[in-house]
Amino acid sequence: MESYERTLCRLAIGDEAYADSVLACDAANRAESGLDLKTHAFVRLAGLIASDAAAPSYLGAIESARAGGASDEEIVGCLVAVMPALGAARVVSAAPKLGIALGYDVTAALEEAGVPPPA
């Protein structure tokens, strides 16, 4: 059985010991995923966008993405990349939250420009 097949089986049966081991810490999770730091952070960011996470939840993924060499443009590019899968409404909801986590207040910028803030 290949490694990816074993992983799929462990996940499919809800192997608690396996889940605990990959949830124990970020380093263990990243190592088990086989992804590089930047890709791992982008996948997590996509998950946060999909789950409509609160702004503070984005901080760790952004920190990891930057540590992996990602630019803020690439981080924001994640919003564009997930739009076909998640829809515009989810991305519109996530944009100000991601902005805050990046240190940019989208709502304030829109108000300064005379554009009504998102509802």
PDB file of N, CA and C in Angstrom:
ATOM      1  N   MET A   1       0.856  -1.174   0.000  1.00  0.00           N
ATOM      2  CA  MET A   1       0.000   0.000   0.000  1.00  0.00           C
ATOM      3  C   MET A   1       0.903   1.238   0.000  1.00  0.00           C
ATOM      4  N   GLU A   2       0.607   2.191  -0.890  1.00  0.00           N
ATOM      5  CA  GLU A   2       1.349   3.439  -0.989  1.00  0.00           C
ATOM      6  C   GLU A   2       1.066   4.319   0.229  1.00  0.00           C
ATOM      7  N   SER A   3       1.945   5.241   0.482  1.00  0.00           N
ATOM      8  CA  SER A   3       1.795   6.144   1.625  1.00  0.00           C
ATOM      9  C   SER A   3       0.498   6.950   1.540  1.00  0.00           C
ATOM     10  N   TYR A   4       0.189   7.488   0.357  1.00  0.00           N
ATOM     11  CA  TYR A   4      -1.032   8.276   0.232  1.00  0.00           C
ATOM     12  C   TYR A   4      -2.275   7.417   0.426  1.00  0.00           C
ATOM     13  N   GLU A   5      -2.191   6.147   0.023  1.00  0.00           N
ATOM     14  CA  GLU A   5      -3.327   5.241   0.212  1.00  0.00           C
ATOM     15  C   GLU A   5      -3.543   4.963   1.700  1.00  0.00           C
ATOM     16  N   ARG A   6      -2.452   4.767   2.412  1.00  0.00           N
ATOM     17  CA  ARG A   6      -2.526   4.522   3.863  1.00  0.00           C
ATOM     18  C   ARG A   6      -3.126   5.754   4.558  1.00  0.00           C
ATOM     19  N   THR A   7      -2.683   6.931   4.135  1.00  0.00           N
ATOM     20  CA  THR A   7      -3.205   8.169   4.727  1.00  0.00           C
ATOM     21  C   THR A   7      -4.699   8.294   4.466  1.00  0.00           C
ATOM     22  N   LEU A   8      -5.128   8.041   3.242  1.00  0.00           N
ATOM     23  CA  LEU A   8      -6.556   8.117   2.924  1.00  0.00           C
ATOM     24  C   LEU A   8      -7.368   7.147   3.770  1.00  0.00           C
ATOM     25  N   CYS A   9      -6.861   5.941   3.938  1.00  0.00           N
ATOM     26  CA  CYS A   9      -7.571   4.952   4.761  1.00  0.00           C
ATOM     27  C   CYS A   9      -7.658   5.407   6.210  1.00  0.00           C
ATOM     28  N   ARG A  10      -6.566   5.934   6.741  1.00  0.00           N
ATOM     29  CA  ARG A  10      -6.564   6.394   8.137  1.00  0.00           C
ATOM     30  C   ARG A  10      -7.560   7.535   8.326  1.00  0.00           C
ATOM     31  N   LEU A  11      -7.610   8.433   7.360  1.00  0.00           N
ATOM     32  CA  LEU A  11      -8.561   9.540   7.448  1.00  0.00           C
ATOM     33  C   LEU A  11      -9.999   9.051   7.290  1.00  0.00           C
ATOM     34  N   ALA A  12     -10.208   8.123   6.367  1.00  0.00           N
ATOM     35  CA  ALA A  12     -11.557   7.624   6.092  1.00  0.00           C
ATOM     36  C   ALA A  12     -12.172   6.896   7.287  1.00  0.00           C
ATOM     37  N   ILE A  13     -11.344   6.229   8.076  1.00  0.00           N
ATOM     38  CA  ILE A  13     -11.879   5.499   9.234  1.00  0.00           C
ATOM     39  C   ILE A  13     -11.879   6.345  10.501  1.00  0.00           C
ATOM     40  N   GLY A  14     -11.376   7.582  10.391  1.00  0.00           N
ATOM     41  CA  GLY A  14     -11.349   8.439  11.570  1.00  0.00           C
ATOM     42  C   GLY A  14     -10.357   7.969  12.609  1.00  0.00           C
ATOM     43  N   ASP A  15      -9.189   7.507  12.173  1.00  0.00           N
ATOM     44  CA  ASP A  15      -8.134   7.027  13.067  1.00  0.00           C
ATOM     45  C   ASP A  15      -7.752   8.148  14.036  1.00  0.00           C
ATOM     46  N   GLU A  16      -8.215   8.029  15.276  1.00  0.00           N
ATOM     47  CA  GLU A  16      -8.007   9.089  16.266  1.00  0.00           C
ATOM     48  C   GLU A  16      -6.538   9.323  16.585  1.00  0.00           C
ATOM     49  N   ALA A  17      -5.760   8.264  16.675  1.00  0.00           N
ATOM     50  CA  ALA A  17      -4.331   8.420  16.971  1.00  0.00           C
ATOM     51  C   ALA A  17      -3.642   9.192  15.850  1.00  0.00           C
ATOM     52  N   TYR A  18      -4.011   8.878  14.620  1.00  0.00           N
ATOM     53  CA  TYR A  18      -3.429   9.591  13.484  1.00  0.00           C
ATOM     54  C   TYR A  18      -3.850  11.062  13.506  1.00  0.00           C
ATOM     55  N   ALA A  19      -5.143  11.299  13.709  1.00  0.00           N
ATOM     56  CA  ALA A  19      -5.641  12.674  13.764  1.00  0.00           C
ATOM     57  C   ALA A  19      -4.953  13.456  14.876  1.00  0.00           C
ATOM     58  N   ASP A  20      -4.821  12.849  16.028  1.00  0.00           N
ATOM     59  CA  ASP A  20      -4.147  13.524  17.145  1.00  0.00           C
ATOM     60  C   ASP A  20      -2.705  13.866  16.789  1.00  0.00           C
ATOM     61  N   SER A  21      -2.036  12.966  16.068  1.00  0.00           N
ATOM     62  CA  SER A  21      -0.627  13.210  15.730  1.00  0.00           C
ATOM     63  C   SER A  21      -0.473  14.364  14.742  1.00  0.00           C
ATOM     64  N   VAL A  22      -1.399  14.505  13.799  1.00  0.00           N
ATOM     65  CA  VAL A  22      -1.271  15.599  12.827  1.00  0.00           C
ATOM     66  C   VAL A  22      -1.885  16.900  13.331  1.00  0.00           C
ATOM     67  N   LEU A  23      -2.650  16.811  14.397  1.00  0.00           N
ATOM     68  CA  LEU A  23      -3.196  18.018  15.013  1.00  0.00           C
ATOM     69  C   LEU A  23      -2.334  18.511  16.174  1.00  0.00           C
ATOM     70  N   ALA A  24      -1.343  17.726  16.563  1.00  0.00           N
ATOM     71  CA  ALA A  24      -0.521  18.041  17.733  1.00  0.00           C
ATOM     72  C   ALA A  24       0.192  19.374  17.597  1.00  0.00           C
ATOM     73  N   CYS A  25       0.737  19.648  16.418  1.00  0.00           N
ATOM     74  CA  CYS A  25       1.432  20.918  16.201  1.00  0.00           C
ATOM     75  C   CYS A  25       1.537  21.181  14.709  1.00  0.00           C
ATOM     76  N   ASP A  26       1.764  22.435  14.373  1.00  0.00           N
ATOM     77  CA  ASP A  26       1.853  22.814  12.968  1.00  0.00           C
ATOM     78  C   ASP A  26       2.983  22.094  12.249  1.00  0.00           C
ATOM     79  N   ALA A  27       4.115  21.947  12.908  1.00  0.00           N
ATOM     80  CA  ALA A  27       5.263  21.293  12.276  1.00  0.00           C
ATOM     81  C   ALA A  27       4.944  19.840  11.926  1.00  0.00           C
ATOM     82  N   ALA A  28       4.272  19.148  12.829  1.00  0.00           N
ATOM     83  CA  ALA A  28       3.902  17.759  12.562  1.00  0.00           C
ATOM     84  C   ALA A  28       2.895  17.683  11.425  1.00  0.00           C
ATOM     85  N   ASN A  29       1.953  18.606  11.418  1.00  0.00           N
ATOM     86  CA  ASN A  29       0.950  18.631  10.358  1.00  0.00           C
ATOM     87  C   ASN A  29       1.601  18.883   9.006  1.00  0.00           C
ATOM     88  N   ARG A  30       2.493  19.871   8.959  1.00  0.00           N
ATOM     89  CA  ARG A  30       3.151  20.200   7.692  1.00  0.00           C
ATOM     90  C   ARG A  30       4.018  19.040   7.212  1.00  0.00           C
ATOM     91  N   ALA A  31       4.751  18.426   8.121  1.00  0.00           N
ATOM     92  CA  ALA A  31       5.597  17.295   7.745  1.00  0.00           C
ATOM     93  C   ALA A  31       4.764  16.147   7.187  1.00  0.00           C
ATOM     94  N   GLU A  32       3.673  15.840   7.838  1.00  0.00           N
ATOM     95  CA  GLU A  32       2.819  14.739   7.392  1.00  0.00           C
ATOM     96  C   GLU A  32       2.141  15.064   6.060  1.00  0.00           C
ATOM     97  N   SER A  33       1.849  16.348   5.820  1.00  0.00           N
ATOM     98  CA  SER A  33       1.187  16.735   4.561  1.00  0.00           C
ATOM     99  C   SER A  33       2.115  16.573   3.366  1.00  0.00           C
ATOM    100  N   GLY A  34       3.416  16.691   3.606  1.00  0.00           N
ATOM    101  CA  GLY A  34       4.365  16.588   2.504  1.00  0.00           C
ATOM    102  C   GLY A  34       4.461  17.861   1.673  1.00  0.00           C
ATOM    103  N   LEU A  35       3.782  18.913   2.109  1.00  0.00           N
ATOM    104  CA  LEU A  35       3.779  20.172   1.372  1.00  0.00           C
ATOM    105  C   LEU A  35       4.876  21.100   1.874  1.00  0.00           C
ATOM    106  N   ASP A  36       5.369  21.960   0.980  1.00  0.00           N
ATOM    107  CA  ASP A  36       6.321  22.967   1.431  1.00  0.00           C
ATOM    108  C   ASP A  36       5.565  24.017   2.241  1.00  0.00           C
ATOM    109  N   LEU A  37       6.305  24.828   2.975  1.00  0.00           N
ATOM    110  CA  LEU A  37       5.715  25.796   3.908  1.00  0.00           C
ATOM    111  C   LEU A  37       4.722  26.741   3.218  1.00  0.00           C
ATOM    112  N   LYS A  38       5.097  27.277   2.082  1.00  0.00           N
ATOM    113  CA  LYS A  38       4.239  28.227   1.372  1.00  0.00           C
ATOM    114  C   LYS A  38       2.946  27.560   0.894  1.00  0.00           C
ATOM    115  N   THR A  39       3.065  26.408   0.284  1.00  0.00           N
ATOM    116  CA  THR A  39       1.874  25.692  -0.204  1.00  0.00           C
ATOM    117  C   THR A  39       0.975  25.303   0.957  1.00  0.00           C
ATOM    118  N   HIS A  40       1.570  24.817   2.029  1.00  0.00           N
ATOM    119  CA  HIS A  40       0.805  24.432   3.215  1.00  0.00           C
ATOM    120  C   HIS A  40       0.012  25.626   3.743  1.00  0.00           C
ATOM    121  N   ALA A  41       0.658  26.776   3.805  1.00  0.00           N
ATOM    122  CA  ALA A  41      -0.017  27.983   4.285  1.00  0.00           C
ATOM    123  C   ALA A  41      -1.149  28.392   3.354  1.00  0.00           C
ATOM    124  N   PHE A  42      -0.942  28.281   2.041  1.00  0.00           N
ATOM    125  CA  PHE A  42      -1.990  28.637   1.087  1.00  0.00           C
ATOM    126  C   PHE A  42      -3.195  27.701   1.211  1.00  0.00           C
ATOM    127  N   VAL A  43      -2.939  26.426   1.426  1.00  0.00           N
ATOM    128  CA  VAL A  43      -4.043  25.471   1.598  1.00  0.00           C
ATOM    129  C   VAL A  43      -4.822  25.817   2.866  1.00  0.00           C
ATOM    130  N   ARG A  44      -4.107  26.124   3.936  1.00  0.00           N
ATOM    131  CA  ARG A  44      -4.791  26.517   5.176  1.00  0.00           C
ATOM    132  C   ARG A  44      -5.592  27.790   4.979  1.00  0.00           C
ATOM    133  N   LEU A  45      -5.010  28.739   4.274  1.00  0.00           N
ATOM    134  CA  LEU A  45      -5.708  29.995   3.992  1.00  0.00           C
ATOM    135  C   LEU A  45      -6.988  29.722   3.211  1.00  0.00           C
ATOM    136  N   ALA A  46      -6.927  28.854   2.230  1.00  0.00           N
ATOM    137  CA  ALA A  46      -8.123  28.497   1.460  1.00  0.00           C
ATOM    138  C   ALA A  46      -9.188  27.875   2.363  1.00  0.00           C
ATOM    139  N   GLY A  47      -8.756  27.057   3.298  1.00  0.00           N
ATOM    140  CA  GLY A  47      -9.694  26.461   4.248  1.00  0.00           C
ATOM    141  C   GLY A  47     -10.350  27.507   5.135  1.00  0.00           C
ATOM    142  N   LEU A  48      -9.574  28.489   5.547  1.00  0.00           N
ATOM    143  CA  LEU A  48     -10.126  29.575   6.374  1.00  0.00           C
ATOM    144  C   LEU A  48     -11.144  30.389   5.587  1.00  0.00           C
ATOM    145  N   ILE A  49     -10.832  30.662   4.331  1.00  0.00           N
ATOM    146  CA  ILE A  49     -11.767  31.400   3.481  1.00  0.00           C
ATOM    147  C   ILE A  49     -13.044  30.588   3.315  1.00  0.00           C
ATOM    148  N   ALA A  50     -12.896  29.298   3.036  1.00  0.00           N
ATOM    149  CA  ALA A  50     -14.055  28.427   2.816  1.00  0.00           C
ATOM    150  C   ALA A  50     -14.950  28.329   4.046  1.00  0.00           C
ATOM    151  N   SER A  51     -14.340  28.365   5.224  1.00  0.00           N
ATOM    152  CA  SER A  51     -15.122  28.208   6.452  1.00  0.00           C
ATOM    153  C   SER A  51     -15.578  29.542   7.039  1.00  0.00           C
ATOM    154  N   ASP A  52     -15.335  30.637   6.317  1.00  0.00           N
ATOM    155  CA  ASP A  52     -15.744  31.975   6.755  1.00  0.00           C
ATOM    156  C   ASP A  52     -15.177  32.289   8.142  1.00  0.00           C
ATOM    157  N   ALA A  53     -13.889  32.005   8.304  1.00  0.00           N
ATOM    158  CA  ALA A  53     -13.206  32.208   9.587  1.00  0.00           C
ATOM    159  C   ALA A  53     -13.118  33.688   9.950  1.00  0.00           C
ATOM    160  N   ALA A  54     -12.954  33.948  11.220  1.00  0.00           N
ATOM    161  CA  ALA A  54     -12.789  35.320  11.716  1.00  0.00           C
ATOM    162  C   ALA A  54     -11.399  35.837  11.337  1.00  0.00           C
ATOM    163  N   ALA A  55     -11.263  37.149  11.260  1.00  0.00           N
ATOM    164  CA  ALA A  55     -10.009  37.784  10.849  1.00  0.00           C
ATOM    165  C   ALA A  55      -8.783  37.286  11.618  1.00  0.00           C
ATOM    166  N   PRO A  56      -8.840  37.160  12.955  1.00  0.00           N
ATOM    167  CA  PRO A  56      -7.645  36.704  13.673  1.00  0.00           C
ATOM    168  C   PRO A  56      -7.174  35.309  13.264  1.00  0.00           C
ATOM    169  N   SER A  57      -8.082  34.501  12.741  1.00  0.00           N
ATOM    170  CA  SER A  57      -7.721  33.149  12.323  1.00  0.00           C
ATOM    171  C   SER A  57      -6.752  33.144  11.153  1.00  0.00           C
ATOM    172  N   TYR A  58      -6.740  34.214  10.383  1.00  0.00           N
ATOM    173  CA  TYR A  58      -5.874  34.292   9.205  1.00  0.00           C
ATOM    174  C   TYR A  58      -4.413  34.551   9.564  1.00  0.00           C
ATOM    175  N   LEU A  59      -4.162  35.070  10.744  1.00  0.00           N
ATOM    176  CA  LEU A  59      -2.806  35.505  11.100  1.00  0.00           C
ATOM    177  C   LEU A  59      -1.756  34.403  10.992  1.00  0.00           C
ATOM    178  N   GLY A  60      -2.054  33.232  11.497  1.00  0.00           N
ATOM    179  CA  GLY A  60      -1.092  32.136  11.453  1.00  0.00           C
ATOM    180  C   GLY A  60      -0.776  31.696  10.036  1.00  0.00           C
ATOM    181  N   ALA A  61      -1.799  31.603   9.207  1.00  0.00           N
ATOM    182  CA  ALA A  61      -1.575  31.204   7.814  1.00  0.00           C
ATOM    183  C   ALA A  61      -0.761  32.253   7.077  1.00  0.00           C
ATOM    184  N   ILE A  62      -1.037  33.522   7.341  1.00  0.00           N
ATOM    185  CA  ILE A  62      -0.275  34.598   6.699  1.00  0.00           C
ATOM    186  C   ILE A  62       1.172  34.578   7.166  1.00  0.00           C
ATOM    187  N   GLU A  63       1.381  34.394   8.444  1.00  0.00           N
ATOM    188  CA  GLU A  63       2.745  34.319   8.984  1.00  0.00           C
ATOM    189  C   GLU A  63       3.511  33.171   8.334  1.00  0.00           C
ATOM    190  N   SER A  64       2.873  32.015   8.218  1.00  0.00           N
ATOM    191  CA  SER A  64       3.526  30.860   7.593  1.00  0.00           C
ATOM    192  C   SER A  64       3.793  31.102   6.113  1.00  0.00           C
ATOM    193  N   ALA A  65       2.831  31.702   5.424  1.00  0.00           N
ATOM    194  CA  ALA A  65       3.020  31.983   3.998  1.00  0.00           C
ATOM    195  C   ALA A  65       4.191  32.932   3.785  1.00  0.00           C
ATOM    196  N   ARG A  66       4.247  33.977   4.594  1.00  0.00           N
ATOM    197  CA  ARG A  66       5.373  34.923   4.482  1.00  0.00           C
ATOM    198  C   ARG A  66       6.694  34.233   4.807  1.00  0.00           C
ATOM    199  N   ALA A  67       6.691  33.375   5.824  1.00  0.00           N
ATOM    200  CA  ALA A  67       7.908  32.634   6.177  1.00  0.00           C
ATOM    201  C   ALA A  67       8.341  31.718   5.037  1.00  0.00           C
ATOM    202  N   GLY A  68       7.380  31.266   4.238  1.00  0.00           N
ATOM    203  CA  GLY A  68       7.668  30.418   3.085  1.00  0.00           C
ATOM    204  C   GLY A  68       8.021  31.204   1.835  1.00  0.00           C
ATOM    205  N   GLY A  69       8.062  32.532   1.967  1.00  0.00           N
ATOM    206  CA  GLY A  69       8.469  33.371   0.846  1.00  0.00           C
ATOM    207  C   GLY A  69       7.338  33.989   0.056  1.00  0.00           C
ATOM    208  N   ALA A  70       6.109  33.860   0.525  1.00  0.00           N
ATOM    209  CA  ALA A  70       4.965  34.418  -0.198  1.00  0.00           C
ATOM    210  C   ALA A  70       4.895  35.931  -0.039  1.00  0.00           C
ATOM    211  N   SER A  71       4.522  36.583  -1.105  1.00  0.00           N
ATOM    212  CA  SER A  71       4.288  38.025  -1.060  1.00  0.00           C
ATOM    213  C   SER A  71       2.839  38.273  -0.663  1.00  0.00           C
ATOM    214  N   ASP A  72       2.548  39.505  -0.255  1.00  0.00           N
ATOM    215  CA  ASP A  72       1.159  39.845   0.064  1.00  0.00           C
ATOM    216  C   ASP A  72       0.278  39.706  -1.172  1.00  0.00           C
ATOM    217  N   GLU A  73       0.841  39.985  -2.350  1.00  0.00           N
ATOM    218  CA  GLU A  73       0.080  39.820  -3.590  1.00  0.00           C
ATOM    219  C   GLU A  73      -0.317  38.362  -3.801  1.00  0.00           C
ATOM    220  N   GLU A  74       0.600  37.435  -3.507  1.00  0.00           N
ATOM    221  CA  GLU A  74       0.288  36.016  -3.646  1.00  0.00           C
ATOM    222  C   GLU A  74      -0.752  35.581  -2.614  1.00  0.00           C
ATOM    223  N   ILE A  75      -0.639  36.124  -1.412  1.00  0.00           N
ATOM    224  CA  ILE A  75      -1.601  35.788  -0.358  1.00  0.00           C
ATOM    225  C   ILE A  75      -2.998  36.239  -0.775  1.00  0.00           C
ATOM    226  N   VAL A  76      -3.104  37.462  -1.274  1.00  0.00           N
ATOM    227  CA  VAL A  76      -4.401  37.953  -1.760  1.00  0.00           C
ATOM    228  C   VAL A  76      -4.836  37.160  -2.988  1.00  0.00           C
ATOM    229  N   GLY A  77      -3.878  36.694  -3.771  1.00  0.00           N
ATOM    230  CA  GLY A  77      -4.204  35.856  -4.925  1.00  0.00           C
ATOM    231  C   GLY A  77      -4.954  34.594  -4.550  1.00  0.00           C
ATOM    232  N   CYS A  78      -4.794  34.136  -3.317  1.00  0.00           N
ATOM    233  CA  CYS A  78      -5.565  32.979  -2.843  1.00  0.00           C
ATOM    234  C   CYS A  78      -7.060  33.259  -2.900  1.00  0.00           C
ATOM    235  N   LEU A  79      -7.438  34.489  -2.616  1.00  0.00           N
ATOM    236  CA  LEU A  79      -8.858  34.846  -2.700  1.00  0.00           C
ATOM    237  C   LEU A  79      -9.367  34.675  -4.127  1.00  0.00           C
ATOM    238  N   VAL A  80      -8.590  35.139  -5.074  1.00  0.00           N
ATOM    239  CA  VAL A  80      -8.977  35.030  -6.479  1.00  0.00           C
ATOM    240  C   VAL A  80      -9.024  33.561  -6.890  1.00  0.00           C
ATOM    241  N   ALA A  81      -8.029  32.791  -6.456  1.00  0.00           N
ATOM    242  CA  ALA A  81      -7.940  31.385  -6.846  1.00  0.00           C
ATOM    243  C   ALA A  81      -9.105  30.541  -6.333  1.00  0.00           C
ATOM    244  N   VAL A  82      -9.620  30.850  -5.150  1.00  0.00           N
ATOM    245  CA  VAL A  82     -10.716  30.030  -4.604  1.00  0.00           C
ATOM    246  C   VAL A  82     -12.093  30.507  -5.043  1.00  0.00           C
ATOM    247  N   MET A  83     -12.177  31.650  -5.687  1.00  0.00           N
ATOM    248  CA  MET A  83     -13.482  32.189  -6.066  1.00  0.00           C
ATOM    249  C   MET A  83     -14.312  31.231  -6.931  1.00  0.00           C
ATOM    250  N   PRO A  84     -13.732  30.569  -7.945  1.00  0.00           N
ATOM    251  CA  PRO A  84     -14.563  29.650  -8.733  1.00  0.00           C
ATOM    252  C   PRO A  84     -15.146  28.498  -7.905  1.00  0.00           C
ATOM    253  N   ALA A  85     -14.415  28.046  -6.912  1.00  0.00           N
ATOM    254  CA  ALA A  85     -14.891  26.927  -6.091  1.00  0.00           C
ATOM    255  C   ALA A  85     -15.857  27.368  -5.006  1.00  0.00           C
ATOM    256  N   LEU A  86     -15.645  28.565  -4.452  1.00  0.00           N
ATOM    257  CA  LEU A  86     -16.432  29.005  -3.298  1.00  0.00           C
ATOM    258  C   LEU A  86     -17.497  30.037  -3.622  1.00  0.00           C
ATOM    259  N   GLY A  87     -17.335  30.724  -4.713  1.00  0.00           N
ATOM    260  CA  GLY A  87     -18.293  31.761  -5.088  1.00  0.00           C
ATOM    261  C   GLY A  87     -17.854  33.135  -4.623  1.00  0.00           C
ATOM    262  N   ALA A  88     -18.375  34.117  -5.296  1.00  0.00           N
ATOM    263  CA  ALA A  88     -18.001  35.503  -5.018  1.00  0.00           C
ATOM    264  C   ALA A  88     -18.408  35.936  -3.613  1.00  0.00           C
ATOM    265  N   ALA A  89     -19.567  35.499  -3.141  1.00  0.00           N
ATOM    266  CA  ALA A  89     -20.056  35.944  -1.830  1.00  0.00           C
ATOM    267  C   ALA A  89     -19.077  35.581  -0.717  1.00  0.00           C
ATOM    268  N   ARG A  90     -18.522  34.390  -0.765  1.00  0.00           N
ATOM    269  CA  ARG A  90     -17.587  33.959   0.276  1.00  0.00           C
ATOM    270  C   ARG A  90     -16.300  34.787   0.197  1.00  0.00           C
ATOM    271  N   VAL A  91     -15.847  35.077  -1.009  1.00  0.00           N
ATOM    272  CA  VAL A  91     -14.626  35.860  -1.192  1.00  0.00           C
ATOM    273  C   VAL A  91     -14.848  37.307  -0.762  1.00  0.00           C
ATOM    274  N   VAL A  92     -16.015  37.856  -1.082  1.00  0.00           N
ATOM    275  CA  VAL A  92     -16.348  39.220  -0.649  1.00  0.00           C
ATOM    276  C   VAL A  92     -16.337  39.295   0.878  1.00  0.00           C
ATOM    277  N   SER A  93     -16.852  38.275   1.521  1.00  0.00           N
ATOM    278  CA  SER A  93     -16.862  38.225   2.982  1.00  0.00           C
ATOM    279  C   SER A  93     -15.443  38.117   3.549  1.00  0.00           C
ATOM    280  N   ALA A  94     -14.585  37.371   2.873  1.00  0.00           N
ATOM    281  CA  ALA A  94     -13.234  37.122   3.373  1.00  0.00           C
ATOM    282  C   ALA A  94     -12.277  38.284   3.117  1.00  0.00           C
ATOM    283  N   ALA A  95     -12.498  39.061   2.071  1.00  0.00           N
ATOM    284  CA  ALA A  95     -11.538  40.102   1.678  1.00  0.00           C
ATOM    285  C   ALA A  95     -11.218  41.088   2.807  1.00  0.00           C
ATOM    286  N   PRO A  96     -12.206  41.676   3.478  1.00  0.00           N
ATOM    287  CA  PRO A  96     -11.861  42.609   4.564  1.00  0.00           C
ATOM    288  C   PRO A  96     -11.149  41.918   5.731  1.00  0.00           C
ATOM    289  N   LYS A  97     -11.496  40.674   6.002  1.00  0.00           N
ATOM    290  CA  LYS A  97     -10.855  39.925   7.089  1.00  0.00           C
ATOM    291  C   LYS A  97      -9.394  39.647   6.761  1.00  0.00           C
ATOM    292  N   LEU A  98      -9.148  39.227   5.531  1.00  0.00           N
ATOM    293  CA  LEU A  98      -7.775  38.987   5.109  1.00  0.00           C
ATOM    294  C   LEU A  98      -6.997  40.297   5.117  1.00  0.00           C
ATOM    295  N   GLY A  99      -7.646  41.370   4.666  1.00  0.00           N
ATOM    296  CA  GLY A  99      -7.002  42.684   4.684  1.00  0.00           C
ATOM    297  C   GLY A  99      -6.554  43.081   6.076  1.00  0.00           C
ATOM    298  N   ILE A 100      -7.437  42.919   7.048  1.00  0.00           N
ATOM    299  CA  ILE A 100      -7.099  43.248   8.443  1.00  0.00           C
ATOM    300  C   ILE A 100      -5.894  42.424   8.900  1.00  0.00           C
ATOM    301  N   ALA A 101      -5.903  41.138   8.587  1.00  0.00           N
ATOM    302  CA  ALA A 101      -4.796  40.270   8.994  1.00  0.00           C
ATOM    303  C   ALA A 101      -3.484  40.665   8.313  1.00  0.00           C
ATOM    304  N   LEU A 102      -3.580  41.262   7.125  1.00  0.00           N
ATOM    305  CA  LEU A 102      -2.387  41.735   6.415  1.00  0.00           C
ATOM    306  C   LEU A 102      -1.965  43.127   6.879  1.00  0.00           C
ATOM    307  N   GLY A 103      -2.799  43.748   7.725  1.00  0.00           N
ATOM    308  CA  GLY A 103      -2.489  45.092   8.199  1.00  0.00           C
ATOM    309  C   GLY A 103      -3.080  46.189   7.331  1.00  0.00           C
ATOM    310  N   TYR A 104      -4.087  45.855   6.539  1.00  0.00           N
ATOM    311  CA  TYR A 104      -4.723  46.811   5.644  1.00  0.00           C
ATOM    312  C   TYR A 104      -6.218  46.822   5.935  1.00  0.00           C
ATOM    313  N   ASP A 105      -6.738  47.969   6.307  1.00  0.00           N
ATOM    314  CA  ASP A 105      -8.152  48.101   6.637  1.00  0.00           C
ATOM    315  C   ASP A 105      -8.939  48.445   5.375  1.00  0.00           C
ATOM    316  N   VAL A 106      -9.490  47.429   4.737  1.00  0.00           N
ATOM    317  CA  VAL A 106     -10.227  47.593   3.486  1.00  0.00           C
ATOM    318  C   VAL A 106     -11.417  48.518   3.680  1.00  0.00           C
ATOM    319  N   THR A 107     -12.151  48.347   4.760  1.00  0.00           N
ATOM    320  CA  THR A 107     -13.344  49.160   5.012  1.00  0.00           C
ATOM    321  C   THR A 107     -12.982  50.633   5.132  1.00  0.00           C
ATOM    322  N   ALA A 108     -11.926  50.939   5.865  1.00  0.00           N
ATOM    323  CA  ALA A 108     -11.484  52.332   6.010  1.00  0.00           C
ATOM    324  C   ALA A 108     -11.040  52.901   4.669  1.00  0.00           C
ATOM    325  N   ALA A 109     -10.340  52.101   3.879  1.00  0.00           N
ATOM    326  CA  ALA A 109      -9.886  52.555   2.560  1.00  0.00           C
ATOM    327  C   ALA A 109     -11.071  52.857   1.646  1.00  0.00           C
ATOM    328  N   LEU A 110     -12.093  52.020   1.707  1.00  0.00           N
ATOM    329  CA  LEU A 110     -13.289  52.257   0.888  1.00  0.00           C
ATOM    330  C   LEU A 110     -14.012  53.519   1.335  1.00  0.00           C
ATOM    331  N   GLU A 111     -14.115  53.714   2.653  1.00  0.00           N
ATOM    332  CA  GLU A 111     -14.766  54.921   3.176  1.00  0.00           C
ATOM    333  C   GLU A 111     -14.011  56.181   2.745  1.00  0.00           C
ATOM    334  N   GLU A 112     -12.688  56.136   2.802  1.00  0.00           N
ATOM    335  CA  GLU A 112     -11.877  57.270   2.359  1.00  0.00           C
ATOM    336  C   GLU A 112     -12.098  57.575   0.887  1.00  0.00           C
ATOM    337  N   ALA A 113     -12.319  56.549   0.110  1.00  0.00           N
ATOM    338  CA  ALA A 113     -12.534  56.718  -1.326  1.00  0.00           C
ATOM    339  C   ALA A 113     -13.979  57.083  -1.655  1.00  0.00           C
ATOM    340  N   GLY A 114     -14.832  57.133  -0.634  1.00  0.00           N
ATOM    341  CA  GLY A 114     -16.234  57.473  -0.842  1.00  0.00           C
ATOM    342  C   GLY A 114     -17.073  56.317  -1.361  1.00  0.00           C
ATOM    343  N   VAL A 115     -16.547  55.099  -1.213  1.00  0.00           N
ATOM    344  CA  VAL A 115     -17.278  53.906  -1.645  1.00  0.00           C
ATOM    345  C   VAL A 115     -17.973  53.320  -0.420  1.00  0.00           C
ATOM    346  N   PRO A 116     -19.258  53.009  -0.551  1.00  0.00           N
ATOM    347  CA  PRO A 116     -19.945  52.408   0.608  1.00  0.00           C
ATOM    348  C   PRO A 116     -19.281  51.080   0.990  1.00  0.00           C
ATOM    349  N   PRO A 117     -19.049  50.855   2.281  1.00  0.00           N
ATOM    350  CA  PRO A 117     -18.437  49.598   2.727  1.00  0.00           C
ATOM    351  C   PRO A 117     -19.365  48.426   2.452  1.00  0.00           C
ATOM    352  N   PRO A 118     -18.788  47.224   2.382  1.00  0.00           N
ATOM    353  CA  PRO A 118     -19.626  46.046   2.164  1.00  0.00           C
ATOM    354  C   PRO A 118     -20.629  45.863   3.294  1.00  0.00           C
ATOM    355  N   ALA A 119     -21.747  45.308   2.939  1.00  0.00           N
ATOM    356  CA  ALA A 119     -22.815  45.087   3.938  1.00  0.00           C
ATOM    357  C   ALA A 119     -22.480  43.964   4.856  1.00  0.00           C
TER     358      ALA A 119
END
